[in-house]
N, C-alpha and C. Protein backbone atom coordinates (compact mmCIF):
# COMPACT_ATOMS: atom_id res chain seq x y z
N MET A 1 1.10 -7.03 -49.21
CA MET A 1 1.52 -7.63 -50.46
C MET A 1 2.02 -9.03 -50.20
N SER A 2 1.22 -9.86 -49.60
CA SER A 2 1.64 -11.22 -49.26
C SER A 2 1.47 -12.13 -50.46
N ASP A 3 2.47 -12.95 -50.72
CA ASP A 3 2.46 -13.89 -51.82
C ASP A 3 2.55 -15.28 -51.22
N PRO A 4 1.54 -16.14 -51.40
CA PRO A 4 1.56 -17.45 -50.77
C PRO A 4 2.72 -18.33 -51.23
N ALA A 5 3.33 -18.04 -52.37
CA ALA A 5 4.44 -18.85 -52.87
C ALA A 5 5.75 -18.52 -52.16
N LEU A 6 5.76 -17.44 -51.40
CA LEU A 6 6.99 -17.04 -50.71
C LEU A 6 6.97 -17.52 -49.26
N PRO A 7 8.14 -17.88 -48.74
CA PRO A 7 8.20 -18.27 -47.32
C PRO A 7 7.86 -17.07 -46.44
N PRO A 8 7.41 -17.33 -45.22
CA PRO A 8 6.97 -16.23 -44.33
C PRO A 8 8.02 -15.14 -44.12
N ALA A 9 9.30 -15.50 -44.00
CA ALA A 9 10.33 -14.48 -43.76
C ALA A 9 10.42 -13.52 -44.93
N ILE A 10 10.36 -14.05 -46.15
CA ILE A 10 10.43 -13.20 -47.35
C ILE A 10 9.15 -12.38 -47.47
N ALA A 11 7.99 -12.99 -47.23
CA ALA A 11 6.73 -12.26 -47.31
C ALA A 11 6.69 -11.13 -46.28
N ALA A 12 7.18 -11.39 -45.07
CA ALA A 12 7.22 -10.36 -44.03
C ALA A 12 8.16 -9.23 -44.43
N MET A 13 9.29 -9.62 -45.02
CA MET A 13 10.26 -8.62 -45.47
C MET A 13 9.63 -7.74 -46.56
N ALA A 14 8.89 -8.35 -47.48
CA ALA A 14 8.24 -7.59 -48.55
C ALA A 14 7.22 -6.62 -47.96
N ALA A 15 6.44 -7.07 -46.98
CA ALA A 15 5.45 -6.20 -46.36
C ALA A 15 6.11 -5.04 -45.63
N ALA A 16 7.21 -5.32 -44.91
CA ALA A 16 7.92 -4.26 -44.19
C ALA A 16 8.52 -3.26 -45.15
N ALA A 17 9.07 -3.75 -46.25
CA ALA A 17 9.68 -2.86 -47.23
C ALA A 17 8.65 -1.98 -47.90
N GLU A 18 7.48 -2.55 -48.17
CA GLU A 18 6.42 -1.77 -48.80
C GLU A 18 5.98 -0.64 -47.87
N ALA A 19 6.00 -0.90 -46.57
CA ALA A 19 5.59 0.11 -45.60
C ALA A 19 6.62 1.23 -45.46
N ALA A 20 7.86 0.91 -45.76
CA ALA A 20 8.93 1.92 -45.63
C ALA A 20 8.93 2.78 -46.88
N ARG A 21 8.61 4.03 -46.76
CA ARG A 21 8.44 4.87 -47.94
C ARG A 21 9.77 5.30 -48.55
N ALA A 22 10.67 5.84 -47.79
CA ALA A 22 11.90 6.39 -48.35
C ALA A 22 12.92 5.31 -48.67
N ARG A 23 12.85 4.21 -48.01
CA ARG A 23 13.77 3.09 -48.20
C ARG A 23 15.23 3.51 -48.15
N PRO A 24 15.64 4.07 -47.03
CA PRO A 24 17.04 4.47 -46.89
C PRO A 24 17.92 3.27 -46.54
N VAL A 25 18.05 2.34 -47.47
CA VAL A 25 18.71 1.06 -47.19
C VAL A 25 20.15 1.23 -46.71
N GLN A 26 20.80 2.32 -47.12
CA GLN A 26 22.17 2.54 -46.68
C GLN A 26 22.25 2.82 -45.18
N ASP A 27 21.13 3.19 -44.56
CA ASP A 27 21.09 3.49 -43.13
C ASP A 27 20.61 2.32 -42.28
N TRP A 28 20.19 1.23 -42.92
CA TRP A 28 19.68 0.08 -42.17
C TRP A 28 20.80 -0.92 -41.98
N HIS A 29 21.04 -1.34 -40.74
CA HIS A 29 22.13 -2.27 -40.43
C HIS A 29 21.68 -3.39 -39.49
N PRO A 30 20.64 -4.13 -39.88
CA PRO A 30 20.22 -5.24 -39.03
C PRO A 30 21.19 -6.42 -39.13
N ALA A 31 21.03 -7.37 -38.26
CA ALA A 31 21.84 -8.58 -38.31
C ALA A 31 21.52 -9.36 -39.59
N HIS A 32 22.52 -10.06 -40.10
CA HIS A 32 22.32 -10.91 -41.27
C HIS A 32 21.48 -12.11 -40.85
N CYS A 33 20.40 -12.37 -41.59
CA CYS A 33 19.46 -13.42 -41.22
C CYS A 33 19.59 -14.68 -42.07
N GLY A 34 20.46 -14.65 -43.09
CA GLY A 34 20.62 -15.84 -43.93
C GLY A 34 20.47 -15.53 -45.40
N ASP A 35 20.12 -16.55 -46.14
CA ASP A 35 20.01 -16.46 -47.59
C ASP A 35 18.55 -16.26 -47.98
N SER A 36 18.30 -15.37 -48.91
CA SER A 36 16.94 -15.11 -49.38
C SER A 36 16.47 -16.17 -50.37
N HIS A 37 17.41 -16.96 -50.90
CA HIS A 37 17.12 -17.94 -51.96
C HIS A 37 16.67 -17.24 -53.23
N MET A 38 17.07 -15.96 -53.36
CA MET A 38 16.78 -15.21 -54.58
C MET A 38 18.06 -15.09 -55.39
N ARG A 39 17.89 -15.02 -56.70
CA ARG A 39 19.01 -14.87 -57.62
C ARG A 39 18.56 -13.94 -58.74
N ILE A 40 19.46 -13.02 -59.12
CA ILE A 40 19.18 -12.12 -60.24
C ILE A 40 20.07 -12.58 -61.38
N LEU A 41 19.45 -13.02 -62.47
CA LEU A 41 20.19 -13.49 -63.63
C LEU A 41 20.78 -12.32 -64.41
N ALA A 42 21.73 -12.62 -65.28
CA ALA A 42 22.39 -11.57 -66.07
C ALA A 42 21.41 -10.80 -66.95
N ASP A 43 20.28 -11.41 -67.32
CA ASP A 43 19.29 -10.72 -68.14
C ASP A 43 18.33 -9.87 -67.31
N GLY A 44 18.55 -9.81 -65.98
CA GLY A 44 17.71 -9.00 -65.10
C GLY A 44 16.53 -9.75 -64.51
N SER A 45 16.35 -11.02 -64.86
CA SER A 45 15.26 -11.82 -64.29
C SER A 45 15.56 -12.16 -62.84
N TRP A 46 14.52 -12.13 -62.02
CA TRP A 46 14.65 -12.49 -60.61
C TRP A 46 14.04 -13.87 -60.40
N LEU A 47 14.77 -14.70 -59.65
CA LEU A 47 14.30 -16.04 -59.31
C LEU A 47 14.20 -16.16 -57.79
N HIS A 48 13.28 -16.98 -57.34
CA HIS A 48 13.22 -17.38 -55.94
C HIS A 48 13.15 -18.90 -55.90
N GLU A 49 14.11 -19.50 -55.24
CA GLU A 49 14.25 -20.95 -55.18
C GLU A 49 14.21 -21.55 -56.59
N GLY A 50 14.85 -20.88 -57.54
CA GLY A 50 14.98 -21.37 -58.90
C GLY A 50 13.82 -21.06 -59.82
N ALA A 51 12.72 -20.56 -59.29
CA ALA A 51 11.54 -20.25 -60.10
C ALA A 51 11.44 -18.74 -60.32
N PRO A 52 11.04 -18.32 -61.52
CA PRO A 52 10.92 -16.88 -61.78
C PRO A 52 9.90 -16.21 -60.85
N ILE A 53 10.24 -15.02 -60.40
CA ILE A 53 9.27 -14.19 -59.68
C ILE A 53 8.48 -13.48 -60.77
N ARG A 54 7.24 -13.84 -60.92
CA ARG A 54 6.43 -13.39 -62.06
C ARG A 54 5.67 -12.08 -61.80
N ARG A 55 5.63 -11.64 -60.57
CA ARG A 55 4.90 -10.41 -60.26
C ARG A 55 5.85 -9.22 -60.36
N PRO A 56 5.71 -8.38 -61.40
CA PRO A 56 6.60 -7.23 -61.55
C PRO A 56 6.62 -6.32 -60.31
N ALA A 57 5.48 -6.16 -59.66
CA ALA A 57 5.45 -5.30 -58.47
C ALA A 57 6.33 -5.86 -57.36
N LEU A 58 6.40 -7.16 -57.24
CA LEU A 58 7.23 -7.78 -56.22
C LEU A 58 8.71 -7.62 -56.56
N VAL A 59 9.06 -7.78 -57.83
CA VAL A 59 10.44 -7.55 -58.26
C VAL A 59 10.85 -6.11 -57.98
N LYS A 60 9.98 -5.16 -58.31
CA LYS A 60 10.27 -3.74 -58.07
C LYS A 60 10.45 -3.47 -56.58
N LEU A 61 9.62 -4.10 -55.77
CA LEU A 61 9.73 -3.92 -54.33
C LEU A 61 11.07 -4.44 -53.82
N PHE A 62 11.44 -5.65 -54.20
CA PHE A 62 12.72 -6.20 -53.76
C PHE A 62 13.88 -5.38 -54.31
N ALA A 63 13.76 -4.91 -55.54
CA ALA A 63 14.82 -4.07 -56.12
C ALA A 63 14.99 -2.78 -55.31
N SER A 64 13.90 -2.27 -54.76
CA SER A 64 13.97 -1.01 -54.01
C SER A 64 14.67 -1.18 -52.66
N ILE A 65 14.80 -2.41 -52.18
CA ILE A 65 15.48 -2.64 -50.90
C ILE A 65 16.77 -3.44 -51.09
N LEU A 66 17.25 -3.48 -52.32
CA LEU A 66 18.50 -4.16 -52.62
C LEU A 66 19.66 -3.24 -52.28
N ARG A 67 20.71 -3.82 -51.72
CA ARG A 67 21.89 -3.04 -51.35
C ARG A 67 23.13 -3.86 -51.66
N ARG A 68 24.20 -3.17 -52.02
CA ARG A 68 25.49 -3.82 -52.20
C ARG A 68 26.32 -3.55 -50.95
N GLU A 69 26.88 -4.62 -50.41
CA GLU A 69 27.67 -4.54 -49.20
C GLU A 69 29.11 -4.16 -49.53
N ALA A 70 29.86 -3.76 -48.52
CA ALA A 70 31.26 -3.36 -48.70
C ALA A 70 32.10 -4.49 -49.29
N ASP A 71 31.75 -5.74 -49.01
CA ASP A 71 32.51 -6.88 -49.54
C ASP A 71 32.10 -7.26 -50.95
N GLY A 72 31.17 -6.50 -51.56
CA GLY A 72 30.73 -6.76 -52.93
C GLY A 72 29.51 -7.65 -53.04
N SER A 73 29.06 -8.21 -51.92
CA SER A 73 27.87 -9.06 -51.95
C SER A 73 26.61 -8.19 -52.01
N TYR A 74 25.49 -8.84 -52.29
CA TYR A 74 24.20 -8.15 -52.39
C TYR A 74 23.26 -8.69 -51.33
N VAL A 75 22.43 -7.80 -50.79
CA VAL A 75 21.42 -8.18 -49.80
C VAL A 75 20.14 -7.40 -50.06
N VAL A 76 19.02 -8.00 -49.67
CA VAL A 76 17.79 -7.23 -49.50
C VAL A 76 17.72 -6.93 -48.01
N VAL A 77 17.34 -5.70 -47.70
CA VAL A 77 17.44 -5.26 -46.31
C VAL A 77 16.22 -4.43 -45.93
N THR A 78 15.77 -4.64 -44.71
CA THR A 78 14.74 -3.81 -44.08
C THR A 78 15.33 -3.37 -42.74
N PRO A 79 14.65 -2.54 -41.99
CA PRO A 79 15.21 -2.17 -40.69
C PRO A 79 15.44 -3.36 -39.76
N GLY A 80 14.75 -4.48 -40.00
CA GLY A 80 14.86 -5.62 -39.09
C GLY A 80 15.55 -6.85 -39.64
N GLU A 81 15.76 -6.94 -40.96
CA GLU A 81 16.33 -8.15 -41.55
C GLU A 81 17.27 -7.82 -42.70
N ARG A 82 18.22 -8.72 -42.91
CA ARG A 82 19.14 -8.60 -44.04
C ARG A 82 19.39 -10.00 -44.56
N LEU A 83 19.07 -10.22 -45.85
CA LEU A 83 19.20 -11.53 -46.48
C LEU A 83 20.02 -11.43 -47.76
N THR A 84 20.89 -12.40 -47.98
CA THR A 84 21.76 -12.43 -49.14
C THR A 84 20.97 -12.71 -50.42
N VAL A 85 21.41 -12.06 -51.51
CA VAL A 85 20.85 -12.28 -52.85
C VAL A 85 22.02 -12.58 -53.78
N ALA A 86 21.90 -13.62 -54.59
CA ALA A 86 22.93 -13.94 -55.58
C ALA A 86 22.67 -13.11 -56.84
N VAL A 87 23.72 -12.50 -57.37
CA VAL A 87 23.60 -11.66 -58.57
C VAL A 87 24.63 -12.15 -59.58
N ASP A 88 24.16 -12.56 -60.76
CA ASP A 88 25.06 -13.13 -61.77
C ASP A 88 25.96 -12.08 -62.42
N ASP A 89 25.44 -10.90 -62.68
CA ASP A 89 26.24 -9.84 -63.32
C ASP A 89 25.97 -8.54 -62.60
N ALA A 90 25.00 -7.79 -63.06
CA ALA A 90 24.56 -6.56 -62.41
C ALA A 90 23.10 -6.76 -62.03
N PRO A 91 22.64 -6.13 -60.97
CA PRO A 91 21.26 -6.37 -60.54
C PRO A 91 20.19 -5.75 -61.44
N PHE A 92 20.58 -4.81 -62.29
CA PHE A 92 19.62 -4.16 -63.18
C PHE A 92 20.13 -4.20 -64.61
N VAL A 93 19.20 -3.97 -65.54
CA VAL A 93 19.55 -3.85 -66.96
C VAL A 93 18.92 -2.56 -67.47
N ALA A 94 19.72 -1.72 -68.13
CA ALA A 94 19.20 -0.51 -68.78
C ALA A 94 18.64 -0.95 -70.13
N VAL A 95 17.33 -0.87 -70.29
CA VAL A 95 16.66 -1.44 -71.45
C VAL A 95 16.16 -0.41 -72.46
N GLU A 96 16.21 0.87 -72.08
CA GLU A 96 15.71 1.92 -72.98
C GLU A 96 16.46 3.21 -72.72
N LEU A 97 16.66 3.98 -73.79
CA LEU A 97 17.37 5.25 -73.70
C LEU A 97 16.49 6.36 -74.24
N ALA A 98 16.44 7.46 -73.52
CA ALA A 98 15.83 8.69 -74.01
C ALA A 98 16.91 9.76 -73.93
N THR A 99 16.97 10.62 -74.93
CA THR A 99 18.00 11.65 -74.95
C THR A 99 17.38 12.98 -75.33
N GLU A 100 17.94 14.04 -74.75
CA GLU A 100 17.53 15.39 -75.12
C GLU A 100 18.78 16.25 -75.21
N GLY A 101 18.77 17.19 -76.11
CA GLY A 101 19.92 18.07 -76.29
C GLY A 101 21.01 17.43 -77.13
N GLU A 102 22.09 18.19 -77.31
CA GLU A 102 23.22 17.72 -78.11
C GLU A 102 24.51 18.13 -77.42
N GLY A 103 25.59 17.44 -77.79
CA GLY A 103 26.91 17.79 -77.29
C GLY A 103 26.93 17.88 -75.78
N ALA A 104 27.58 18.93 -75.27
CA ALA A 104 27.74 19.10 -73.83
C ALA A 104 26.41 19.37 -73.11
N ALA A 105 25.38 19.74 -73.86
CA ALA A 105 24.06 20.02 -73.27
C ALA A 105 23.16 18.78 -73.26
N ARG A 106 23.68 17.64 -73.68
CA ARG A 106 22.86 16.42 -73.76
C ARG A 106 22.57 15.86 -72.37
N ARG A 107 21.40 15.22 -72.28
CA ARG A 107 21.03 14.42 -71.10
C ARG A 107 20.59 13.05 -71.60
N LEU A 108 21.12 12.02 -70.97
CA LEU A 108 20.78 10.64 -71.30
C LEU A 108 19.98 10.06 -70.14
N ALA A 109 18.76 9.63 -70.40
CA ALA A 109 17.93 9.02 -69.37
C ALA A 109 17.71 7.56 -69.75
N PHE A 110 17.96 6.69 -68.80
CA PHE A 110 17.83 5.25 -69.01
C PHE A 110 16.65 4.72 -68.22
N ARG A 111 15.87 3.86 -68.87
CA ARG A 111 14.82 3.12 -68.15
C ARG A 111 15.39 1.74 -67.85
N LEU A 112 15.29 1.34 -66.59
CA LEU A 112 15.79 0.04 -66.19
C LEU A 112 14.69 -1.01 -66.32
N ASN A 113 15.08 -2.26 -66.25
CA ASN A 113 14.11 -3.35 -66.33
C ASN A 113 13.10 -3.30 -65.17
N THR A 114 13.36 -2.53 -64.15
CA THR A 114 12.44 -2.34 -63.03
C THR A 114 11.58 -1.08 -63.20
N ASP A 115 11.69 -0.45 -64.37
CA ASP A 115 11.00 0.80 -64.71
C ASP A 115 11.53 2.02 -63.98
N ASP A 116 12.62 1.88 -63.22
CA ASP A 116 13.28 3.04 -62.64
C ASP A 116 13.91 3.85 -63.77
N ILE A 117 13.99 5.15 -63.58
CA ILE A 117 14.63 6.04 -64.55
C ILE A 117 15.89 6.61 -63.91
N VAL A 118 17.00 6.51 -64.63
CA VAL A 118 18.28 7.03 -64.13
C VAL A 118 18.85 7.94 -65.20
N VAL A 119 19.15 9.19 -64.83
CA VAL A 119 19.79 10.14 -65.75
C VAL A 119 21.29 10.07 -65.50
N ALA A 120 22.04 9.74 -66.55
CA ALA A 120 23.50 9.67 -66.44
C ALA A 120 24.04 11.06 -66.14
N GLY A 121 25.07 11.08 -65.31
CA GLY A 121 25.70 12.35 -64.94
C GLY A 121 26.76 12.08 -63.89
N PRO A 122 27.21 13.11 -63.21
CA PRO A 122 28.27 12.95 -62.21
C PRO A 122 27.95 11.92 -61.13
N GLU A 123 26.69 11.81 -60.74
CA GLU A 123 26.29 10.85 -59.69
C GLU A 123 25.94 9.48 -60.26
N HIS A 124 25.66 9.42 -61.54
CA HIS A 124 25.25 8.18 -62.21
C HIS A 124 26.10 8.00 -63.46
N ARG A 125 27.30 7.51 -63.26
CA ARG A 125 28.30 7.42 -64.32
C ARG A 125 28.05 6.23 -65.24
N VAL A 126 28.37 6.44 -66.50
CA VAL A 126 28.40 5.35 -67.48
C VAL A 126 29.83 4.82 -67.47
N ILE A 127 29.97 3.52 -67.29
CA ILE A 127 31.28 2.89 -67.26
C ILE A 127 31.36 1.94 -68.44
N ALA A 128 32.17 2.31 -69.44
CA ALA A 128 32.34 1.46 -70.63
C ALA A 128 33.74 0.89 -70.59
N GLY A 129 33.87 -0.32 -71.06
CA GLY A 129 35.17 -0.97 -71.07
C GLY A 129 35.00 -2.45 -70.82
N ASN A 130 36.00 -3.20 -71.15
CA ASN A 130 35.94 -4.66 -70.99
C ASN A 130 34.76 -5.28 -71.73
N GLY A 131 34.28 -4.59 -72.77
CA GLY A 131 33.22 -5.15 -73.60
C GLY A 131 31.82 -5.07 -73.04
N ARG A 132 31.66 -4.62 -71.80
CA ARG A 132 30.33 -4.53 -71.20
C ARG A 132 30.15 -3.16 -70.56
N PRO A 133 29.20 -2.38 -71.06
CA PRO A 133 28.96 -1.06 -70.45
C PRO A 133 27.95 -1.16 -69.29
N TYR A 134 28.18 -0.33 -68.28
CA TYR A 134 27.33 -0.30 -67.10
C TYR A 134 26.96 1.13 -66.75
N LEU A 135 25.93 1.27 -65.96
CA LEU A 135 25.46 2.56 -65.46
C LEU A 135 25.37 2.45 -63.95
N HIS A 136 25.97 3.41 -63.23
CA HIS A 136 25.83 3.43 -61.78
C HIS A 136 24.42 3.87 -61.45
N VAL A 137 23.73 3.09 -60.63
CA VAL A 137 22.34 3.37 -60.29
C VAL A 137 22.25 4.07 -58.93
N ARG A 138 22.74 3.40 -57.88
CA ARG A 138 22.72 3.98 -56.54
C ARG A 138 23.53 3.10 -55.60
N HIS A 139 24.20 3.71 -54.66
CA HIS A 139 24.90 3.01 -53.57
C HIS A 139 25.64 1.76 -54.02
N GLY A 140 26.42 1.87 -55.08
CA GLY A 140 27.22 0.73 -55.54
C GLY A 140 26.48 -0.24 -56.44
N LEU A 141 25.20 -0.02 -56.67
CA LEU A 141 24.43 -0.88 -57.56
C LEU A 141 24.55 -0.37 -58.99
N THR A 142 24.67 -1.30 -59.92
CA THR A 142 24.83 -0.94 -61.32
C THR A 142 23.79 -1.61 -62.19
N ALA A 143 23.63 -1.05 -63.38
CA ALA A 143 22.79 -1.65 -64.42
C ALA A 143 23.69 -1.93 -65.61
N ARG A 144 23.60 -3.14 -66.15
CA ARG A 144 24.28 -3.43 -67.40
C ARG A 144 23.47 -2.75 -68.50
N ILE A 145 24.15 -2.03 -69.36
CA ILE A 145 23.46 -1.35 -70.46
C ILE A 145 23.26 -2.39 -71.57
N ALA A 146 22.01 -2.66 -71.90
CA ALA A 146 21.68 -3.66 -72.92
C ALA A 146 22.34 -3.27 -74.25
N ARG A 147 22.72 -4.27 -74.99
CA ARG A 147 23.44 -4.06 -76.25
C ARG A 147 22.72 -3.08 -77.20
N PRO A 148 21.40 -3.23 -77.45
CA PRO A 148 20.75 -2.27 -78.35
C PRO A 148 20.82 -0.83 -77.84
N VAL A 149 20.75 -0.66 -76.53
CA VAL A 149 20.83 0.67 -75.93
C VAL A 149 22.24 1.23 -76.12
N PHE A 150 23.25 0.39 -75.92
CA PHE A 150 24.62 0.85 -76.12
C PHE A 150 24.87 1.20 -77.59
N TYR A 151 24.33 0.41 -78.51
CA TYR A 151 24.48 0.73 -79.94
C TYR A 151 23.83 2.07 -80.27
N GLU A 152 22.70 2.35 -79.63
CA GLU A 152 22.04 3.64 -79.82
C GLU A 152 22.95 4.78 -79.33
N MET A 153 23.60 4.56 -78.20
CA MET A 153 24.54 5.56 -77.68
C MET A 153 25.72 5.75 -78.64
N ALA A 154 26.23 4.64 -79.16
CA ALA A 154 27.36 4.72 -80.09
C ALA A 154 26.97 5.48 -81.35
N GLU A 155 25.76 5.27 -81.86
CA GLU A 155 25.29 6.00 -83.04
C GLU A 155 25.22 7.50 -82.76
N LEU A 156 24.76 7.87 -81.58
CA LEU A 156 24.71 9.29 -81.21
C LEU A 156 26.11 9.89 -81.20
N ALA A 157 27.05 9.17 -80.61
CA ALA A 157 28.43 9.65 -80.54
C ALA A 157 29.03 9.78 -81.93
N LEU A 158 28.82 8.79 -82.77
CA LEU A 158 29.36 8.83 -84.14
C LEU A 158 28.77 9.99 -84.92
N ALA A 159 27.49 10.25 -84.74
CA ALA A 159 26.84 11.37 -85.43
C ALA A 159 27.45 12.70 -85.04
N GLU A 160 27.99 12.77 -83.81
CA GLU A 160 28.64 13.99 -83.34
C GLU A 160 30.15 13.97 -83.59
N GLY A 161 30.64 12.88 -84.19
CA GLY A 161 32.07 12.77 -84.47
C GLY A 161 32.89 12.63 -83.19
N ALA A 162 32.33 12.01 -82.17
CA ALA A 162 32.99 11.89 -80.87
C ALA A 162 33.17 10.42 -80.51
N ASP A 163 33.99 10.16 -79.50
CA ASP A 163 34.16 8.79 -79.01
C ASP A 163 33.39 8.56 -77.72
N GLY A 164 32.50 9.50 -77.38
CA GLY A 164 31.70 9.38 -76.18
C GLY A 164 30.57 10.39 -76.19
N LEU A 165 29.87 10.46 -75.08
CA LEU A 165 28.72 11.35 -74.96
C LEU A 165 28.75 12.10 -73.63
N TYR A 166 28.19 13.29 -73.66
CA TYR A 166 27.96 14.05 -72.44
C TYR A 166 26.57 13.70 -71.91
N SER A 167 26.41 13.80 -70.61
CA SER A 167 25.09 13.76 -70.00
C SER A 167 25.17 14.51 -68.68
N ASP A 168 24.29 15.45 -68.53
CA ASP A 168 24.24 16.28 -67.31
C ASP A 168 25.60 16.86 -66.96
N GLY A 169 26.36 17.27 -67.98
CA GLY A 169 27.64 17.93 -67.78
C GLY A 169 28.83 17.02 -67.62
N ALA A 170 28.61 15.70 -67.57
CA ALA A 170 29.72 14.75 -67.44
C ALA A 170 29.95 14.06 -68.78
N TYR A 171 31.21 13.80 -69.10
CA TYR A 171 31.56 13.15 -70.37
C TYR A 171 31.86 11.68 -70.11
N PHE A 172 31.30 10.83 -70.96
CA PHE A 172 31.49 9.39 -70.83
C PHE A 172 32.04 8.81 -72.13
N ALA A 173 33.31 8.38 -72.10
CA ALA A 173 33.91 7.73 -73.26
C ALA A 173 33.25 6.37 -73.43
N LEU A 174 32.96 6.03 -74.66
CA LEU A 174 32.28 4.77 -74.94
C LEU A 174 33.23 3.65 -75.36
N ALA A 175 34.51 3.99 -75.55
CA ALA A 175 35.47 2.96 -75.98
C ALA A 175 36.38 2.60 -74.83
């Protein structure tokens, strides 16, 4: 998956990541190699050297090897390299909601801007507060819940006369 617009280190990293099937990024601890020159905007857009990355497959690939470090920074990582990524807000955006069931039996499934699906529950908590709702995705990575999606959640809660929603047995207050 070589892209001529990317520098060789980034292209090599993309190829290595594509070859890694399980992508256990939490287990990879290579030396820090520098800055990737990538930035994830608050709307979920990915940039490289200030220009949008226009290939969705490449964005999905980099998203699959994204990790949040203990100090709160973000990196793309392979078994051999680790490069810093600037993130304006959250690295993902929850852009669509699917729901099944009602009350305590409800399940909320979110589609992210990377087409990943995350079901809210004990392992994937919805965090509402400070005016911006988020969804825990994996290993410290979060998705900002887009405003229309949050309004849809609020309508569901209001229809049930509640201040929050259940999903996969966990209750999430929306206020």
